[in-house]
Amino acid sequence: MIAYRLLTHEDTSAFCHKVTKAISNGWELYGDPQYTYDEKWSVMRCAQAVIKKNDIEYKRELKLSEL
């Protein structure tokens, strides 16, 4: 199975730490990061897709963040 996650957060160092943690846990970047302006909260928001290959069979109950 190839697991997919979309990491999101405000454009702060917390987002960078979230992506760095995923990479250090074996996740690979997938595609380019995306940015958008959130008018309601007046902040930039970031998103980065990551994937991880593993031998686990997919089940809906899986907690992808724990792979």
PDB file of N, CA and C in Angstrom:
ATOM      1  N   MET A   1       0.847  -1.174   0.000  1.00  0.00           N
ATOM      2  CA  MET A   1       0.000   0.000   0.000  1.00  0.00           C
ATOM      3  C   MET A   1       0.892   1.235   0.000  1.00  0.00           C
ATOM      4  N   ILE A   2       0.433   2.258  -0.655  1.00  0.00           N
ATOM      5  CA  ILE A   2       1.076   3.568  -0.573  1.00  0.00           C
ATOM      6  C   ILE A   2       0.116   4.477   0.185  1.00  0.00           C
ATOM      7  N   ALA A   3       0.525   4.905   1.360  1.00  0.00           N
ATOM      8  CA  ALA A   3      -0.303   5.788   2.182  1.00  0.00           C
ATOM      9  C   ALA A   3      -0.102   7.232   1.727  1.00  0.00           C
ATOM     10  N   TYR A   4      -1.166   8.022   1.791  1.00  0.00           N
ATOM     11  CA  TYR A   4      -1.149   9.421   1.362  1.00  0.00           C
ATOM     12  C   TYR A   4      -1.688  10.288   2.490  1.00  0.00           C
ATOM     13  N   ARG A   5      -1.005  11.393   2.739  1.00  0.00           N
ATOM     14  CA  ARG A   5      -1.485  12.387   3.707  1.00  0.00           C
ATOM     15  C   ARG A   5      -1.309  13.773   3.115  1.00  0.00           C
ATOM     16  N   LEU A   6      -2.180  14.681   3.494  1.00  0.00           N
ATOM     17  CA  LEU A   6      -2.031  16.082   3.123  1.00  0.00           C
ATOM     18  C   LEU A   6      -1.822  16.858   4.418  1.00  0.00           C
ATOM     19  N   LEU A   7      -0.602  17.336   4.607  1.00  0.00           N
ATOM     20  CA  LEU A   7      -0.262  18.105   5.800  1.00  0.00           C
ATOM     21  C   LEU A   7      -0.644  19.558   5.563  1.00  0.00           C
ATOM     22  N   THR A   8      -1.317  20.174   6.525  1.00  0.00           N
ATOM     23  CA  THR A   8      -1.738  21.566   6.387  1.00  0.00           C
ATOM     24  C   THR A   8      -1.468  22.324   7.681  1.00  0.00           C
ATOM     25  N   HIS A   9      -1.286  23.621   7.536  1.00  0.00           N
ATOM     26  CA  HIS A   9      -1.084  24.471   8.718  1.00  0.00           C
ATOM     27  C   HIS A   9      -0.935  25.906   8.229  1.00  0.00           C
ATOM     28  N   GLU A  10      -0.988  26.845   9.165  1.00  0.00           N
ATOM     29  CA  GLU A  10      -0.658  28.231   8.827  1.00  0.00           C
ATOM     30  C   GLU A  10       0.800  28.285   8.384  1.00  0.00           C
ATOM     31  N   ASP A  11       1.154  29.315   7.631  1.00  0.00           N
ATOM     32  CA  ASP A  11       2.524  29.473   7.134  1.00  0.00           C
ATOM     33  C   ASP A  11       3.418  29.981   8.267  1.00  0.00           C
ATOM     34  N   THR A  12       3.771  29.052   9.162  1.00  0.00           N
ATOM     35  CA  THR A  12       4.652  29.352  10.294  1.00  0.00           C
ATOM     36  C   THR A  12       5.694  28.241  10.389  1.00  0.00           C
ATOM     37  N   SER A  13       6.591  28.378  11.337  1.00  0.00           N
ATOM     38  CA  SER A  13       7.596  27.328  11.527  1.00  0.00           C
ATOM     39  C   SER A  13       6.940  26.012  11.941  1.00  0.00           C
ATOM     40  N   ALA A  14       5.750  26.072  12.522  1.00  0.00           N
ATOM     41  CA  ALA A  14       5.043  24.845  12.917  1.00  0.00           C
ATOM     42  C   ALA A  14       4.758  23.967  11.700  1.00  0.00           C
ATOM     43  N   PHE A  15       4.427  24.587  10.575  1.00  0.00           N
ATOM     44  CA  PHE A  15       4.204  23.817   9.343  1.00  0.00           C
ATOM     45  C   PHE A  15       5.496  23.145   8.906  1.00  0.00           C
ATOM     46  N   CYS A  16       6.593  23.870   8.936  1.00  0.00           N
ATOM     47  CA  CYS A  16       7.894  23.300   8.549  1.00  0.00           C
ATOM     48  C   CYS A  16       8.263  22.138   9.457  1.00  0.00           C
ATOM     49  N   HIS A  17       8.001  22.273  10.752  1.00  0.00           N
ATOM     50  CA  HIS A  17       8.292  21.189  11.691  1.00  0.00           C
ATOM     51  C   HIS A  17       7.411  19.967  11.406  1.00  0.00           C
ATOM     52  N   LYS A  18       6.146  20.205  11.056  1.00  0.00           N
ATOM     53  CA  LYS A  18       5.236  19.102  10.739  1.00  0.00           C
ATOM     54  C   LYS A  18       5.741  18.316   9.532  1.00  0.00           C
ATOM     55  N   VAL A  19       6.174  19.018   8.489  1.00  0.00           N
ATOM     56  CA  VAL A  19       6.692  18.364   7.285  1.00  0.00           C
ATOM     57  C   VAL A  19       8.015  17.664   7.594  1.00  0.00           C
ATOM     58  N   THR A  20       8.895  18.328   8.330  1.00  0.00           N
ATOM     59  CA  THR A  20      10.185  17.735   8.690  1.00  0.00           C
ATOM     60  C   THR A  20       9.996  16.457   9.503  1.00  0.00           C
ATOM     61  N   LYS A  21       9.060  16.460  10.436  1.00  0.00           N
ATOM     62  CA  LYS A  21       8.784  15.264  11.236  1.00  0.00           C
ATOM     63  C   LYS A  21       8.309  14.122  10.348  1.00  0.00           C
ATOM     64  N   ALA A  22       7.420  14.416   9.413  1.00  0.00           N
ATOM     65  CA  ALA A  22       6.927  13.375   8.505  1.00  0.00           C
ATOM     66  C   ALA A  22       8.075  12.786   7.690  1.00  0.00           C
ATOM     67  N   ILE A  23       8.941  13.637   7.159  1.00  0.00           N
ATOM     68  CA  ILE A  23      10.086  13.157   6.369  1.00  0.00           C
ATOM     69  C   ILE A  23      10.997  12.292   7.237  1.00  0.00           C
ATOM     70  N   SER A  24      11.249  12.723   8.463  1.00  0.00           N
ATOM     71  CA  SER A  24      12.136  11.952   9.347  1.00  0.00           C
ATOM     72  C   SER A  24      11.514  10.616   9.753  1.00  0.00           C
ATOM     73  N   ASN A  25      10.189  10.489   9.615  1.00  0.00           N
ATOM     74  CA  ASN A  25       9.499   9.232   9.909  1.00  0.00           C
ATOM     75  C   ASN A  25       9.270   8.387   8.655  1.00  0.00           C
ATOM     76  N   GLY A  26       9.975   8.708   7.576  1.00  0.00           N
ATOM     77  CA  GLY A  26       9.923   7.874   6.382  1.00  0.00           C
ATOM     78  C   GLY A  26       8.946   8.291   5.303  1.00  0.00           C
ATOM     79  N   TRP A  27       8.212   9.383   5.500  1.00  0.00           N
ATOM     80  CA  TRP A  27       7.300   9.875   4.473  1.00  0.00           C
ATOM     81  C   TRP A  27       8.107  10.621   3.420  1.00  0.00           C
ATOM     82  N   GLU A  28       7.630  10.602   2.171  1.00  0.00           N
ATOM     83  CA  GLU A  28       8.294  11.294   1.069  1.00  0.00           C
ATOM     84  C   GLU A  28       7.392  12.410   0.558  1.00  0.00           C
ATOM     85  N   LEU A  29       8.011  13.529   0.177  1.00  0.00           N
ATOM     86  CA  LEU A  29       7.234  14.618  -0.406  1.00  0.00           C
ATOM     87  C   LEU A  29       6.587  14.135  -1.696  1.00  0.00           C
ATOM     88  N   TYR A  30       5.358  14.594  -1.941  1.00  0.00           N
ATOM     89  CA  TYR A  30       4.621  14.207  -3.139  1.00  0.00           C
ATOM     90  C   TYR A  30       4.045  15.478  -3.757  1.00  0.00           C
ATOM     91  N   GLY A  31       4.636  15.923  -4.840  1.00  0.00           N
ATOM     92  CA  GLY A  31       4.170  17.150  -5.479  1.00  0.00           C
ATOM     93  C   GLY A  31       4.725  18.395  -4.815  1.00  0.00           C
ATOM     94  N   ASP A  32       4.253  19.519  -5.292  1.00  0.00           N
ATOM     95  CA  ASP A  32       4.713  20.815  -4.799  1.00  0.00           C
ATOM     96  C   ASP A  32       3.859  21.296  -3.628  1.00  0.00           C
ATOM     97  N   PRO A  33       4.439  22.103  -2.740  1.00  0.00           N
ATOM     98  CA  PRO A  33       3.629  22.693  -1.670  1.00  0.00           C
ATOM     99  C   PRO A  33       2.638  23.688  -2.273  1.00  0.00           C
ATOM    100  N   GLN A  34       1.548  23.891  -1.581  1.00  0.00           N
ATOM    101  CA  GLN A  34       0.516  24.824  -2.031  1.00  0.00           C
ATOM    102  C   GLN A  34       0.279  25.874  -0.946  1.00  0.00           C
ATOM    103  N   TYR A  35      -0.041  27.073  -1.377  1.00  0.00           N
ATOM    104  CA  TYR A  35      -0.285  28.183  -0.457  1.00  0.00           C
ATOM    105  C   TYR A  35      -1.577  28.879  -0.846  1.00  0.00           C
ATOM    106  N   THR A  36      -2.301  29.360   0.138  1.00  0.00           N
ATOM    107  CA  THR A  36      -3.500  30.142  -0.128  1.00  0.00           C
ATOM    108  C   THR A  36      -3.711  31.124   1.023  1.00  0.00           C
ATOM    109  N   TYR A  37      -4.385  32.204   0.735  1.00  0.00           N
ATOM    110  CA  TYR A  37      -4.663  33.210   1.754  1.00  0.00           C
ATOM    111  C   TYR A  37      -6.032  32.941   2.361  1.00  0.00           C
ATOM    112  N   ASP A  38      -6.097  32.847   3.678  1.00  0.00           N
ATOM    113  CA  ASP A  38      -7.341  32.635   4.410  1.00  0.00           C
ATOM    114  C   ASP A  38      -7.865  34.003   4.844  1.00  0.00           C
ATOM    115  N   GLU A  39      -8.848  34.508   4.109  1.00  0.00           N
ATOM    116  CA  GLU A  39      -9.375  35.851   4.392  1.00  0.00           C
ATOM    117  C   GLU A  39     -10.039  35.938   5.761  1.00  0.00           C
ATOM    118  N   LYS A  40     -10.699  34.877   6.178  1.00  0.00           N
ATOM    119  CA  LYS A  40     -11.401  34.899   7.465  1.00  0.00           C
ATOM    120  C   LYS A  40     -10.441  35.162   8.621  1.00  0.00           C
ATOM    121  N   TRP A  41      -9.265  34.520   8.595  1.00  0.00           N
ATOM    122  CA  TRP A  41      -8.302  34.646   9.683  1.00  0.00           C
ATOM    123  C   TRP A  41      -7.105  35.520   9.316  1.00  0.00           C
ATOM    124  N   SER A  42      -7.065  36.024   8.088  1.00  0.00           N
ATOM    125  CA  SER A  42      -5.979  36.896   7.607  1.00  0.00           C
ATOM    126  C   SER A  42      -4.599  36.252   7.757  1.00  0.00           C
ATOM    127  N   VAL A  43      -4.498  34.991   7.334  1.00  0.00           N
ATOM    128  CA  VAL A  43      -3.224  34.271   7.387  1.00  0.00           C
ATOM    129  C   VAL A  43      -3.022  33.480   6.095  1.00  0.00           C
ATOM    130  N   MET A  44      -1.766  33.190   5.820  1.00  0.00           N
ATOM    131  CA  MET A  44      -1.443  32.287   4.717  1.00  0.00           C
ATOM    132  C   MET A  44      -1.529  30.860   5.245  1.00  0.00           C
ATOM    133  N   ARG A  45      -2.057  29.969   4.432  1.00  0.00           N
ATOM    134  CA  ARG A  45      -2.142  28.547   4.781  1.00  0.00           C
ATOM    135  C   ARG A  45      -1.308  27.748   3.791  1.00  0.00           C
ATOM    136  N   CYS A  46      -0.650  26.711   4.292  1.00  0.00           N
ATOM    137  CA  CYS A  46       0.219  25.863   3.470  1.00  0.00           C
ATOM    138  C   CYS A  46      -0.312  24.439   3.467  1.00  0.00           C
ATOM    139  N   ALA A  47       0.019  23.724   2.402  1.00  0.00           N
ATOM    140  CA  ALA A  47      -0.310  22.301   2.306  1.00  0.00           C
ATOM    141  C   ALA A  47       0.817  21.593   1.577  1.00  0.00           C
ATOM    142  N   GLN A  48       1.143  20.386   2.034  1.00  0.00           N
ATOM    143  CA  GLN A  48       2.149  19.558   1.373  1.00  0.00           C
ATOM    144  C   GLN A  48       1.690  18.110   1.439  1.00  0.00           C
ATOM    145  N   ALA A  49       1.581  17.484   0.288  1.00  0.00           N
ATOM    146  CA  ALA A  49       1.234  16.064   0.241  1.00  0.00           C
ATOM    147  C   ALA A  49       2.483  15.237   0.507  1.00  0.00           C
ATOM    148  N   VAL A  50       2.299  14.121   1.218  1.00  0.00           N
ATOM    149  CA  VAL A  50       3.381  13.176   1.481  1.00  0.00           C
ATOM    150  C   VAL A  50       2.848  11.758   1.280  1.00  0.00           C
ATOM    151  N   ILE A  51       3.742  10.852   0.890  1.00  0.00           N
ATOM    152  CA  ILE A  51       3.373   9.450   0.719  1.00  0.00           C
ATOM    153  C   ILE A  51       4.374   8.564   1.448  1.00  0.00           C
ATOM    154  N   LYS A  52       3.918   7.340   1.765  1.00  0.00           N
ATOM    155  CA  LYS A  52       4.799   6.371   2.421  1.00  0.00           C
ATOM    156  C   LYS A  52       4.415   4.972   1.947  1.00  0.00           C
ATOM    157  N   LYS A  53       5.396   4.266   1.400  1.00  0.00           N
ATOM    158  CA  LYS A  53       5.175   2.893   0.949  1.00  0.00           C
ATOM    159  C   LYS A  53       5.371   1.950   2.130  1.00  0.00           C
ATOM    160  N   ASN A  54       4.480   0.949   2.245  1.00  0.00           N
ATOM    161  CA  ASN A  54       4.609  -0.041   3.310  1.00  0.00           C
ATOM    162  C   ASN A  54       3.892  -1.325   2.910  1.00  0.00           C
ATOM    163  N   ASP A  55       4.056  -2.353   3.703  1.00  0.00           N
ATOM    164  CA  ASP A  55       3.476  -3.666   3.407  1.00  0.00           C
ATOM    165  C   ASP A  55       2.160  -3.922   4.134  1.00  0.00           C
ATOM    166  N   ILE A  56       1.590  -2.901   4.704  1.00  0.00           N
ATOM    167  CA  ILE A  56       0.341  -3.040   5.449  1.00  0.00           C
ATOM    168  C   ILE A  56      -0.835  -3.043   4.473  1.00  0.00           C
ATOM    169  N   GLU A  57      -1.833  -3.887   4.748  1.00  0.00           N
ATOM    170  CA  GLU A  57      -3.053  -3.884   3.943  1.00  0.00           C
ATOM    171  C   GLU A  57      -3.924  -2.711   4.392  1.00  0.00           C
ATOM    172  N   TYR A  58      -4.491  -1.982   3.435  1.00  0.00           N
ATOM    173  CA  TYR A  58      -5.311  -0.817   3.775  1.00  0.00           C
ATOM    174  C   TYR A  58      -6.583  -1.235   4.508  1.00  0.00           C
ATOM    175  N   LYS A  59      -6.877  -0.521   5.575  1.00  0.00           N
ATOM    176  CA  LYS A  59      -8.135  -0.648   6.305  1.00  0.00           C
ATOM    177  C   LYS A  59      -8.556   0.753   6.703  1.00  0.00           C
ATOM    178  N   ARG A  60      -9.823   1.021   6.656  1.00  0.00           N
ATOM    179  CA  ARG A  60     -10.358   2.348   6.975  1.00  0.00           C
ATOM    180  C   ARG A  60      -9.943   2.807   8.374  1.00  0.00           C
ATOM    181  N   GLU A  61      -9.753   1.879   9.296  1.00  0.00           N
ATOM    182  CA  GLU A  61      -9.432   2.220  10.687  1.00  0.00           C
ATOM    183  C   GLU A  61      -7.987   2.667  10.875  1.00  0.00           C
ATOM    184  N   LEU A  62      -7.161   2.513   9.848  1.00  0.00           N
ATOM    185  CA  LEU A  62      -5.744   2.883   9.964  1.00  0.00           C
ATOM    186  C   LEU A  62      -5.585   4.342  10.360  1.00  0.00           C
ATOM    187  N   LYS A  63      -4.665   4.606  11.260  1.00  0.00           N
ATOM    188  CA  LYS A  63      -4.292   5.981  11.583  1.00  0.00           C
ATOM    189  C   LYS A  63      -3.030   6.273  10.791  1.00  0.00           C
ATOM    190  N   LEU A  64      -3.193   6.961   9.679  1.00  0.00           N
ATOM    191  CA  LEU A  64      -2.077   7.186   8.768  1.00  0.00           C
ATOM    192  C   LEU A  64      -0.916   7.897   9.445  1.00  0.00           C
ATOM    193  N   SER A  65      -1.196   8.771  10.374  1.00  0.00           N
ATOM    194  CA  SER A  65      -0.118   9.500  11.050  1.00  0.00           C
ATOM    195  C   SER A  65       0.752   8.581  11.899  1.00  0.00           C
ATOM    196  N   GLU A  66       0.281   7.376  12.185  1.00  0.00           N
ATOM    197  CA  GLU A  66       1.046   6.445  13.008  1.00  0.00           C
ATOM    198  C   GLU A  66       1.842   5.433  12.183  1.00  0.00           C
ATOM    199  N   LEU A  67       1.762   5.508  10.859  1.00  0.00           N
ATOM    200  CA  LEU A  67       2.524   4.576  10.012  1.00  0.00           C
ATOM    201  C   LEU A  67       3.997   4.884  10.062  1.00  0.00           C
TER     202      LEU A  67
END
